[in-house]
């Protein structure tokens, strides 16, 4: 820091402590927990009187959804009210609102993953939702839950359990093909070897947990069969249209979050601040 004339703000630094607050999470030796201040705000949140207040509540609760088991099923009566001209507070919504507040007050401390140990995934399904929990040595690491597009008594339990497994895990066939490409392709195997011995220093490629990633995503390799197959889009559409399980699945349309990355250090601090101040223009003194 002295070599690059960088300074740390004392109010934002902690030393010799066992817990650290980071992006609304409390990280300690026991694992990752929710921020008590955020939990207090959720418990004291007033009953929403319009759709804007309901979105604010679900947005705050949804940030911690991986801490809550069966979050999607519990919040389903509230998410239905977000539809156009559908907001009408009722007893079912009130029960879901109170259950979410209660679930957040009893949120578990999630364990930090150890990629050298074995992972266990438990899945479950019902007629209107699926769920999964990622565990390691008996401690929960993250919860996953999704609601189906419709409720039906004809939805088979075995199909629901299979869908929950497919949602929690990528395709094994696809994964095996990708990992095989890492060892057979000379370019990719060379990158992996350089990352392992530390001879390659780059921010694009990372090797962690026996996975080769580029900017937070898996490296597929030069195999055209894995990248794109002729007529695959049409084939997938036809299969999805005729599959009851696919039609009952509520797709996740949220953008890929990716991994947290530090901001780049500006090489020219003077030019950086000049660029910030360049937006300030002349302000007239004339009173309006």
Protein backbone atom coordinates (compact mmCIF):
# COMPACT_ATOMS: atom_id res chain seq x y z
CA UNK A 1 0.00 0.00 0.00
CA UNK A 2 2.89 2.38 0.70
CA UNK A 3 4.49 1.61 -2.64
CA UNK A 4 1.31 2.61 -4.51
CA UNK A 5 0.38 5.45 -2.08
CA UNK A 6 -2.87 3.80 -1.02
CA UNK A 7 -4.66 4.49 2.25
CA UNK A 8 -7.18 2.51 4.32
CA UNK A 9 -10.07 4.16 6.12
CA UNK A 10 -9.91 3.20 9.77
CA UNK A 11 -13.70 3.24 10.23
CA UNK A 12 -14.03 0.51 7.58
CA UNK A 13 -11.22 -1.73 8.83
CA UNK A 14 -11.25 -4.31 11.61
CA UNK A 15 -8.27 -6.16 13.07
CA UNK A 16 -8.01 -9.01 15.56
CA UNK A 17 -11.72 -9.95 15.39
CA UNK A 18 -13.52 -13.26 14.99
CA UNK A 19 -16.45 -11.89 12.94
CA UNK A 20 -16.61 -9.70 9.84
CA UNK A 21 -19.64 -8.00 8.31
CA UNK A 22 -19.62 -8.24 4.50
CA UNK A 23 -22.47 -7.40 2.10
CA UNK A 24 -25.19 -8.00 4.67
CA UNK A 25 -23.65 -11.22 5.99
CA UNK A 26 -21.78 -11.97 9.21
CA UNK A 27 -18.81 -14.24 8.47
CA UNK A 28 -17.19 -16.04 11.39
CA UNK A 29 -15.38 -19.29 12.18
CA UNK A 30 -18.79 -20.98 12.56
CA UNK A 31 -19.98 -20.03 9.07
CA UNK A 32 -22.12 -17.38 7.39
CA UNK A 33 -25.06 -15.78 9.20
CA UNK A 34 -27.57 -13.05 8.44
CA UNK A 35 -27.09 -9.46 9.57
CA UNK A 36 -29.04 -8.88 12.84
CA UNK A 37 -29.89 -5.33 11.75
CA UNK A 38 -31.48 -6.62 8.56
CA UNK A 39 -33.43 -9.24 10.51
CA UNK A 40 -34.70 -6.55 12.87
CA UNK A 41 -35.89 -4.49 9.91
CA UNK A 42 -37.72 -7.52 8.48
CA UNK A 43 -39.48 -8.32 11.76
CA UNK A 44 -40.60 -4.70 12.20
CA UNK A 45 -41.72 -4.32 8.56
CA UNK A 46 -45.33 -3.03 8.45
CA UNK A 47 -48.03 -4.94 6.61
CA UNK A 48 -47.78 -3.91 2.94
CA UNK A 49 -50.68 -1.77 1.77
CA UNK A 50 -49.69 -1.65 -1.91
CA UNK A 51 -47.60 -3.57 -4.43
CA UNK A 52 -44.61 -1.26 -4.05
CA UNK A 53 -44.30 -1.97 -0.32
CA UNK A 54 -44.72 -5.70 -0.98
CA UNK A 55 -41.88 -5.63 -3.54
CA UNK A 56 -39.66 -3.91 -1.01
CA UNK A 57 -40.37 -6.57 1.61
CA UNK A 58 -39.84 -9.49 -0.78
CA UNK A 59 -36.69 -7.87 -2.12
CA UNK A 60 -35.20 -7.65 1.37
CA UNK A 61 -36.31 -11.16 2.35
CA UNK A 62 -35.25 -12.64 -1.00
CA UNK A 63 -31.65 -11.55 -0.46
CA UNK A 64 -31.46 -14.18 2.31
CA UNK A 65 -33.54 -16.84 0.58
CA UNK A 66 -30.71 -19.40 0.66
CA UNK A 67 -30.91 -19.28 4.47
CA UNK A 68 -34.60 -20.33 4.52
CA UNK A 69 -35.83 -23.82 3.84
CA UNK A 70 -38.80 -23.94 1.39
CA UNK A 71 -38.62 -20.18 0.84
CA UNK A 72 -40.41 -20.33 -2.53
CA UNK A 73 -43.36 -22.30 -1.14
CA UNK A 74 -43.71 -20.05 1.90
CA UNK A 75 -43.62 -16.85 -0.15
CA UNK A 76 -45.88 -18.14 -2.96
CA UNK A 77 -49.06 -16.40 -1.68
CA UNK A 78 -47.16 -13.10 -1.66
CA UNK A 79 -45.51 -13.46 -5.07
CA UNK A 80 -48.95 -14.08 -6.61
CA UNK A 81 -49.99 -10.60 -5.48
CA UNK A 82 -47.21 -9.07 -7.61
CA UNK A 83 -49.11 -9.81 -10.79
CA UNK A 84 -50.88 -7.00 -12.62
CA UNK A 85 -54.06 -5.86 -10.83
CA UNK A 86 -53.78 -8.82 -8.44
CA UNK A 87 -52.87 -7.06 -5.18
CA UNK A 88 -55.53 -7.82 -2.59
CA UNK A 89 -54.32 -8.53 0.93
CA UNK A 90 -56.06 -11.57 2.41
CA UNK A 91 -55.66 -14.08 5.22
CA UNK A 92 -53.41 -16.35 3.15
CA UNK A 93 -51.07 -13.46 2.41
CA UNK A 94 -51.04 -12.44 6.07
CA UNK A 95 -50.06 -15.96 7.14
CA UNK A 96 -47.28 -16.08 4.54
CA UNK A 97 -46.06 -12.64 5.64
CA UNK A 98 -45.85 -13.73 9.30
CA UNK A 99 -44.26 -17.09 8.39
CA UNK A 100 -41.48 -15.35 6.44
CA UNK A 101 -40.76 -13.03 9.35
CA UNK A 102 -40.67 -16.01 11.70
CA UNK A 103 -38.43 -18.02 9.36
CA UNK A 104 -35.95 -15.15 9.08
CA UNK A 105 -35.74 -14.80 12.86
CA UNK A 106 -34.82 -18.50 13.05
CA UNK A 107 -32.40 -18.51 10.08
CA UNK A 108 -29.57 -21.02 10.41
CA UNK A 109 -25.87 -20.27 10.36
CA UNK A 110 -24.72 -21.73 7.06
CA UNK A 111 -21.41 -23.55 6.93
CA UNK A 112 -18.64 -22.42 4.61
CA UNK A 113 -18.00 -24.94 1.79
CA UNK A 114 -14.83 -27.00 1.85
CA UNK A 115 -14.09 -28.19 -1.69
CA UNK A 116 -11.76 -30.87 -0.38
CA UNK A 117 -14.64 -32.65 1.41
CA UNK A 118 -17.68 -34.53 0.11
CA UNK A 119 -20.92 -32.66 -0.65
CA UNK A 120 -24.39 -34.09 -0.03
CA UNK A 121 -27.59 -32.83 -1.70
CA UNK A 122 -31.02 -33.72 -0.32
CA UNK A 123 -34.03 -33.02 -2.51
CA UNK A 124 -37.80 -33.06 -2.01
CA UNK A 125 -40.88 -32.26 -4.08
CA UNK A 126 -44.61 -31.70 -3.75
CA UNK A 127 -47.48 -30.94 -6.09
CA UNK A 128 -46.58 -27.27 -6.37
CA UNK A 129 -42.91 -26.87 -5.43
CA UNK A 130 -39.46 -28.45 -5.26
CA UNK A 131 -36.57 -27.95 -2.85
CA UNK A 132 -33.00 -28.97 -2.17
CA UNK A 133 -30.36 -28.43 0.50
CA UNK A 134 -26.61 -28.60 0.02
CA UNK A 135 -24.85 -30.12 3.03
CA UNK A 136 -21.38 -31.00 4.19
CA UNK A 137 -20.66 -33.03 7.33
CA UNK A 138 -24.26 -32.59 8.46
CA UNK A 139 -24.19 -28.79 8.21
CA UNK A 140 -26.34 -26.90 5.69
CA UNK A 141 -24.46 -24.75 3.18
CA UNK A 142 -27.38 -23.41 1.14
CA UNK A 143 -31.09 -24.00 0.55
CA UNK A 144 -32.75 -24.01 -2.87
CA UNK A 145 -36.50 -23.91 -3.54
CA UNK A 146 -38.67 -23.20 -6.57
CA UNK A 147 -42.40 -23.15 -7.18
CA UNK A 148 -43.95 -24.82 -10.20
CA UNK A 149 -45.92 -22.88 -12.77
CA UNK A 150 -49.18 -24.47 -11.66
CA UNK A 151 -50.59 -26.61 -8.87
CA UNK A 152 -51.92 -30.00 -9.86
CA UNK A 153 -52.76 -33.24 -8.13
CA UNK A 154 -51.71 -35.11 -11.28
CA UNK A 155 -48.08 -34.08 -10.92
CA UNK A 156 -46.26 -37.29 -10.10
CA UNK A 157 -44.11 -37.32 -7.01
CA UNK A 158 -41.27 -39.18 -8.74
CA UNK A 159 -41.23 -36.59 -11.53
CA UNK A 160 -41.10 -33.81 -8.95
CA UNK A 161 -38.17 -35.40 -7.13
CA UNK A 162 -36.35 -35.89 -10.42
CA UNK A 163 -36.97 -32.25 -11.33
CA UNK A 164 -35.57 -31.10 -7.98
CA UNK A 165 -32.40 -33.12 -8.60
CA UNK A 166 -32.03 -31.71 -12.12
CA UNK A 167 -32.54 -28.19 -10.77
CA UNK A 168 -29.90 -28.61 -8.07
CA UNK A 169 -27.34 -30.36 -10.26
CA UNK A 170 -26.11 -29.80 -13.83
CA UNK A 171 -26.29 -32.65 -16.32
CA UNK A 172 -23.76 -35.34 -15.40
CA UNK A 173 -23.26 -36.26 -19.07
CA UNK A 174 -22.54 -32.66 -19.95
CA UNK A 175 -20.21 -32.25 -16.96
CA UNK A 176 -18.26 -35.41 -17.84
CA UNK A 177 -17.83 -34.24 -21.42
CA UNK A 178 -16.49 -30.88 -20.27
CA UNK A 179 -14.06 -32.31 -17.70
CA UNK A 180 -12.79 -34.78 -20.31
CA UNK A 181 -12.11 -31.88 -22.65
CA UNK A 182 -9.95 -30.24 -19.96
CA UNK A 183 -7.57 -33.22 -19.94
CA UNK A 184 -7.59 -34.04 -23.67
CA UNK A 185 -7.24 -30.55 -25.12
CA UNK A 186 -3.54 -29.49 -25.01
CA UNK A 187 -4.35 -25.78 -24.62
CA UNK A 188 -6.75 -26.24 -21.71
CA UNK A 189 -4.55 -28.83 -20.00
CA UNK A 190 -1.62 -26.41 -20.31
CA UNK A 191 -3.65 -23.60 -18.72
CA UNK A 192 -4.68 -25.89 -15.86
CA UNK A 193 -1.08 -26.99 -15.25
CA UNK A 194 0.13 -23.37 -15.27
CA UNK A 195 -2.58 -22.35 -12.79
CA UNK A 196 -1.74 -25.25 -10.49
CA UNK A 197 1.99 -24.52 -10.33
CA UNK A 198 1.45 -20.75 -10.15
CA UNK A 199 3.37 -19.91 -13.33
CA UNK A 200 0.28 -18.30 -14.93
CA UNK A 201 -1.04 -15.13 -13.28
CA UNK A 202 -4.32 -14.02 -14.84
CA UNK A 203 -7.72 -12.72 -13.77
CA UNK A 204 -9.57 -14.49 -16.58
CA UNK A 205 -8.90 -18.14 -15.73
CA UNK A 206 -9.20 -19.73 -12.29
CA UNK A 207 -8.71 -23.32 -11.12
CA UNK A 208 -10.63 -24.02 -7.92
CA UNK A 209 -12.38 -27.15 -6.72
CA UNK A 210 -11.07 -29.10 -9.76
CA UNK A 211 -12.98 -26.73 -12.05
CA UNK A 212 -11.61 -24.52 -14.81
CA UNK A 213 -13.51 -21.23 -14.94
CA UNK A 214 -13.20 -18.18 -17.14
CA UNK A 215 -14.71 -15.02 -15.67
CA UNK A 216 -16.81 -17.10 -13.27
CA UNK A 217 -18.11 -19.57 -15.90
CA UNK A 218 -17.05 -23.06 -16.91
CA UNK A 219 -14.65 -23.38 -19.83
CA UNK A 220 -16.33 -25.66 -22.38
CA UNK A 221 -13.43 -26.01 -24.80
CA UNK A 222 -13.20 -26.10 -28.61
CA UNK A 223 -15.57 -29.06 -29.09
CA UNK A 224 -18.30 -27.90 -31.47
CA UNK A 225 -20.62 -30.68 -30.28
CA UNK A 226 -20.60 -29.15 -26.80
CA UNK A 227 -20.82 -25.56 -27.99
CA UNK A 228 -23.58 -25.89 -30.56
CA UNK A 229 -25.36 -28.71 -32.29
CA UNK A 230 -27.21 -28.32 -35.57
CA UNK A 231 -30.95 -28.31 -34.94
CA UNK A 232 -30.53 -28.48 -31.14
CA UNK A 233 -32.69 -25.38 -30.49
CA UNK A 234 -35.59 -26.85 -32.45
CA UNK A 235 -35.18 -30.24 -30.80
CA UNK A 236 -35.15 -28.74 -27.30
CA UNK A 237 -38.31 -26.75 -27.99
CA UNK A 238 -40.14 -29.85 -29.17
CA UNK A 239 -39.05 -31.88 -26.14
CA UNK A 240 -40.01 -29.12 -23.68
CA UNK A 241 -43.47 -28.71 -25.25
CA UNK A 242 -44.26 -32.42 -24.84
CA UNK A 243 -42.74 -32.80 -21.34
CA UNK A 244 -45.17 -32.45 -18.41
CA UNK A 245 -42.31 -31.90 -15.96
CA UNK A 246 -40.85 -29.09 -18.09
CA UNK A 247 -44.21 -27.37 -18.44
CA UNK A 248 -44.66 -27.51 -14.67
CA UNK A 249 -41.27 -25.96 -13.97
CA UNK A 250 -41.04 -22.24 -13.28
CA UNK A 251 -37.90 -21.06 -15.06
CA UNK A 252 -35.40 -18.79 -13.32
CA UNK A 253 -35.09 -15.65 -15.47
CA UNK A 254 -32.74 -13.77 -13.15
CA UNK A 255 -29.36 -12.78 -14.49
CA UNK A 256 -26.27 -14.80 -13.57
CA UNK A 257 -24.82 -13.24 -10.44
CA UNK A 258 -21.28 -14.45 -10.85
CA UNK A 259 -18.50 -14.28 -8.30
CA UNK A 260 -17.64 -11.21 -6.26
CA UNK A 261 -14.64 -9.47 -7.75
CA UNK A 262 -12.64 -6.56 -6.27
CA UNK A 263 -12.69 -3.25 -8.11
CA UNK A 264 -9.54 -2.57 -10.18
CA UNK A 265 -7.05 -0.16 -8.65
CA UNK A 266 -6.76 2.96 -10.85
CA UNK A 267 -3.26 3.46 -12.21
CA UNK A 268 -3.63 7.23 -12.36
CA UNK A 269 -5.43 8.55 -9.30
CA UNK A 270 -5.22 12.17 -10.46
CA UNK A 271 -6.89 11.35 -13.76
CA UNK A 272 -9.48 9.23 -11.96
CA UNK A 273 -10.61 12.08 -9.72
CA UNK A 274 -10.48 14.57 -12.60
CA UNK A 275 -12.88 12.30 -14.47
CA UNK A 276 -15.26 12.31 -11.52
CA UNK A 277 -15.14 16.06 -11.18
CA UNK A 278 -15.61 16.56 -14.93
CA UNK A 279 -19.37 16.16 -14.58
CA UNK A 280 -19.70 19.36 -12.54
CA UNK A 281 -20.69 22.29 -14.77
CA UNK A 282 -21.53 25.95 -14.29
CA UNK A 283 -24.50 26.62 -12.00
CA UNK A 284 -26.46 29.80 -12.49
CA UNK A 285 -27.01 32.06 -9.45
CA UNK A 286 -30.31 33.29 -10.82
CA UNK A 287 -33.18 32.66 -8.44
CA UNK A 288 -36.14 30.85 -9.84
